[in-house]
N, C-alpha and C. Protein backbone atom coordinates (compact mmCIF):
# COMPACT_ATOMS: atom_id res chain seq x y z
N MET A 1 112.87 112.84 87.34
CA MET A 1 113.20 114.23 87.57
C MET A 1 112.62 114.65 88.92
N SER A 2 113.42 115.32 89.71
CA SER A 2 112.99 115.78 91.04
C SER A 2 112.08 116.99 90.92
N VAL A 3 111.23 117.13 91.92
CA VAL A 3 110.27 118.22 91.99
C VAL A 3 110.53 119.01 93.27
N LYS A 4 110.56 120.32 93.17
CA LYS A 4 110.74 121.18 94.35
C LYS A 4 109.46 121.16 95.17
N VAL A 5 109.60 121.00 96.48
CA VAL A 5 108.47 121.00 97.40
C VAL A 5 108.64 122.20 98.34
N PRO A 6 107.73 123.17 98.28
CA PRO A 6 107.84 124.32 99.19
C PRO A 6 107.71 123.84 100.64
N TYR A 7 108.66 124.23 101.47
CA TYR A 7 108.65 123.77 102.86
C TYR A 7 107.37 124.16 103.58
N ASP A 8 106.79 125.32 103.22
CA ASP A 8 105.60 125.79 103.92
C ASP A 8 104.32 125.09 103.47
N GLN A 9 104.44 124.17 102.51
CA GLN A 9 103.30 123.37 102.08
C GLN A 9 103.19 122.06 102.85
N LEU A 10 104.23 121.77 103.66
CA LEU A 10 104.22 120.57 104.49
C LEU A 10 103.66 120.90 105.87
N SER A 11 103.03 119.91 106.48
CA SER A 11 102.59 120.11 107.86
C SER A 11 103.82 120.26 108.74
N SER A 12 103.66 120.88 109.89
CA SER A 12 104.82 121.06 110.78
C SER A 12 105.40 119.71 111.19
N GLU A 13 104.55 118.70 111.36
CA GLU A 13 105.03 117.37 111.73
C GLU A 13 105.83 116.74 110.59
N ALA A 14 105.34 116.88 109.37
CA ALA A 14 106.04 116.31 108.22
C ALA A 14 107.38 117.01 108.01
N LEU A 15 107.40 118.33 108.14
CA LEU A 15 108.63 119.09 107.98
C LEU A 15 109.64 118.69 109.05
N GLU A 16 109.19 118.62 110.29
CA GLU A 16 110.08 118.24 111.39
C GLU A 16 110.65 116.84 111.15
N GLY A 17 109.80 115.91 110.72
CA GLY A 17 110.26 114.56 110.45
C GLY A 17 111.27 114.50 109.32
N LEU A 18 111.02 115.25 108.27
CA LEU A 18 111.93 115.29 107.13
C LEU A 18 113.28 115.86 107.53
N ILE A 19 113.26 116.97 108.26
CA ILE A 19 114.51 117.60 108.69
C ILE A 19 115.26 116.68 109.66
N THR A 20 114.55 116.09 110.60
CA THR A 20 115.18 115.19 111.57
C THR A 20 115.83 114.01 110.86
N GLN A 21 115.14 113.44 109.89
CA GLN A 21 115.69 112.31 109.14
C GLN A 21 116.91 112.75 108.35
N PHE A 22 116.86 113.92 107.75
CA PHE A 22 117.98 114.45 106.98
C PHE A 22 119.20 114.68 107.88
N VAL A 23 118.99 115.32 109.01
CA VAL A 23 120.10 115.60 109.94
C VAL A 23 120.66 114.29 110.51
N SER A 24 119.80 113.33 110.75
CA SER A 24 120.24 112.04 111.30
C SER A 24 121.20 111.31 110.37
N ARG A 25 121.04 111.50 109.07
CA ARG A 25 121.93 110.87 108.10
C ARG A 25 123.36 111.34 108.27
N ASP A 26 123.50 112.60 108.68
CA ASP A 26 124.82 113.22 108.81
C ASP A 26 125.55 112.75 110.05
N GLY A 27 124.82 112.41 111.10
CA GLY A 27 125.46 112.00 112.35
C GLY A 27 126.04 113.19 113.08
N SER A 28 126.71 112.93 114.18
CA SER A 28 127.33 114.00 114.95
C SER A 28 128.58 113.48 115.61
N ASP A 29 129.64 114.27 115.53
CA ASP A 29 130.89 113.86 116.17
C ASP A 29 131.15 114.69 117.42
N SER A 30 130.16 115.44 117.83
CA SER A 30 130.30 116.30 119.01
C SER A 30 130.06 115.48 120.28
N GLY A 31 130.66 115.91 121.37
CA GLY A 31 130.43 115.24 122.64
C GLY A 31 129.02 115.45 123.14
N ASN A 32 128.43 116.61 122.86
CA ASN A 32 127.07 116.92 123.29
C ASN A 32 126.14 116.70 122.10
N VAL A 33 125.78 115.45 121.88
CA VAL A 33 125.04 115.05 120.68
C VAL A 33 123.68 115.73 120.60
N ASP A 34 122.92 115.77 121.69
CA ASP A 34 121.58 116.35 121.64
C ASP A 34 121.62 117.82 121.24
N ALA A 35 122.51 118.59 121.84
CA ALA A 35 122.61 120.01 121.53
C ALA A 35 123.08 120.21 120.09
N ALA A 36 124.05 119.43 119.65
CA ALA A 36 124.55 119.55 118.28
C ALA A 36 123.45 119.19 117.29
N PHE A 37 122.70 118.15 117.59
CA PHE A 37 121.61 117.72 116.72
C PHE A 37 120.55 118.80 116.61
N GLU A 38 120.14 119.37 117.74
CA GLU A 38 119.13 120.42 117.72
C GLU A 38 119.61 121.65 116.97
N ARG A 39 120.88 122.00 117.11
CA ARG A 39 121.44 123.14 116.35
C ARG A 39 121.38 122.86 114.85
N LYS A 40 121.69 121.63 114.46
CA LYS A 40 121.64 121.28 113.04
C LYS A 40 120.21 121.35 112.51
N VAL A 41 119.25 120.85 113.30
CA VAL A 41 117.84 120.91 112.89
C VAL A 41 117.42 122.36 112.71
N GLU A 42 117.75 123.21 113.66
CA GLU A 42 117.39 124.63 113.56
C GLU A 42 118.08 125.30 112.38
N SER A 43 119.32 124.92 112.12
CA SER A 43 120.06 125.47 110.99
C SER A 43 119.38 125.11 109.67
N VAL A 44 118.96 123.86 109.53
CA VAL A 44 118.29 123.43 108.29
C VAL A 44 116.97 124.16 108.14
N LYS A 45 116.20 124.29 109.22
CA LYS A 45 114.94 125.04 109.16
C LYS A 45 115.19 126.46 108.68
N SER A 46 116.19 127.10 109.25
CA SER A 46 116.53 128.47 108.88
C SER A 46 116.91 128.57 107.41
N GLN A 47 117.69 127.61 106.93
CA GLN A 47 118.10 127.63 105.52
C GLN A 47 116.92 127.43 104.58
N LEU A 48 115.97 126.58 104.98
CA LEU A 48 114.77 126.39 104.16
C LEU A 48 113.94 127.67 104.11
N LYS A 49 113.77 128.30 105.27
CA LYS A 49 112.98 129.53 105.33
C LYS A 49 113.61 130.67 104.55
N SER A 50 114.94 130.73 104.54
CA SER A 50 115.63 131.82 103.84
C SER A 50 115.79 131.53 102.34
N GLY A 51 115.49 130.31 101.93
CA GLY A 51 115.65 129.96 100.52
C GLY A 51 117.04 129.46 100.17
N ASN A 52 117.90 129.30 101.17
CA ASN A 52 119.25 128.80 100.92
C ASN A 52 119.30 127.28 100.80
N ALA A 53 118.20 126.62 101.13
CA ALA A 53 118.09 125.16 100.96
C ALA A 53 116.71 124.87 100.37
N LEU A 54 116.61 123.75 99.69
CA LEU A 54 115.36 123.36 99.04
C LEU A 54 115.03 121.92 99.38
N ILE A 55 113.74 121.61 99.38
CA ILE A 55 113.29 120.23 99.53
C ILE A 55 112.97 119.72 98.13
N LEU A 56 113.55 118.59 97.79
CA LEU A 56 113.28 117.96 96.50
C LEU A 56 112.63 116.60 96.72
N TYR A 57 111.66 116.28 95.87
CA TYR A 57 111.01 114.98 95.90
C TYR A 57 111.31 114.27 94.59
N ASP A 58 111.77 113.03 94.69
CA ASP A 58 112.04 112.21 93.51
C ASP A 58 110.93 111.18 93.38
N PRO A 59 110.00 111.39 92.43
CA PRO A 59 108.88 110.46 92.29
C PRO A 59 109.31 109.04 91.91
N LYS A 60 110.44 108.92 91.23
CA LYS A 60 110.91 107.59 90.82
C LYS A 60 111.27 106.74 92.04
N THR A 61 111.97 107.35 93.00
CA THR A 61 112.37 106.62 94.20
C THR A 61 111.43 106.88 95.37
N GLN A 62 110.47 107.79 95.17
CA GLN A 62 109.53 108.21 96.20
C GLN A 62 110.26 108.64 97.47
N SER A 63 111.29 109.48 97.27
CA SER A 63 112.09 109.93 98.41
C SER A 63 112.26 111.45 98.35
N PHE A 64 112.50 112.00 99.54
CA PHE A 64 112.75 113.43 99.69
C PHE A 64 114.21 113.65 100.03
N ASN A 65 114.71 114.82 99.66
CA ASN A 65 116.05 115.21 100.06
C ASN A 65 116.06 116.72 100.24
N ILE A 66 116.97 117.18 101.07
CA ILE A 66 117.17 118.61 101.29
C ILE A 66 118.54 118.95 100.71
N VAL A 67 118.57 119.95 99.85
CA VAL A 67 119.83 120.32 99.20
C VAL A 67 120.03 121.83 99.28
N SER A 68 121.29 122.23 99.23
CA SER A 68 121.62 123.64 99.18
C SER A 68 121.19 124.20 97.84
N LYS A 69 120.76 125.45 97.82
CA LYS A 69 120.37 126.06 96.54
C LYS A 69 121.58 126.18 95.60
N ASN A 70 122.79 126.07 96.16
CA ASN A 70 124.00 126.14 95.36
C ASN A 70 124.50 124.76 94.92
N ASP A 71 123.78 123.71 95.28
CA ASP A 71 124.17 122.35 94.92
C ASP A 71 124.14 122.21 93.39
N PRO A 72 125.18 121.63 92.81
CA PRO A 72 125.22 121.48 91.34
C PRO A 72 124.02 120.70 90.78
N VAL A 73 123.42 119.81 91.57
CA VAL A 73 122.28 119.05 91.07
C VAL A 73 121.10 119.96 90.73
N ILE A 74 121.01 121.10 91.40
CA ILE A 74 119.91 122.06 91.13
C ILE A 74 120.04 122.64 89.72
N LYS A 75 121.25 122.83 89.27
CA LYS A 75 121.46 123.41 87.93
C LYS A 75 120.91 122.51 86.83
N ASP A 76 120.85 121.21 87.10
CA ASP A 76 120.36 120.25 86.11
C ASP A 76 118.83 120.16 86.09
N LEU A 77 118.19 120.78 87.06
CA LEU A 77 116.73 120.75 87.16
C LEU A 77 116.14 122.06 86.71
N SER A 78 114.96 122.00 86.19
CA SER A 78 114.28 123.24 85.81
C SER A 78 113.32 123.61 86.92
N LEU A 79 113.86 124.21 88.00
CA LEU A 79 113.05 124.55 89.17
C LEU A 79 112.67 126.01 89.13
């Protein structure tokens, strides 16, 4: 079962690394990759701060993921 991790409980370095890794999974099809990547990173940060996205930790796989608060997987968790 996944556990919600408050973004503000992570160090700024850990949060930046987590967001960067998450955004990197998505890739970019824009011609200006650096700018598109930075916009995506800032967008994810904003969504975490506003509560529209959540950080989940899965102790079984020892992995983190960022999901939308509207993601159906959230409904299955008691967060």
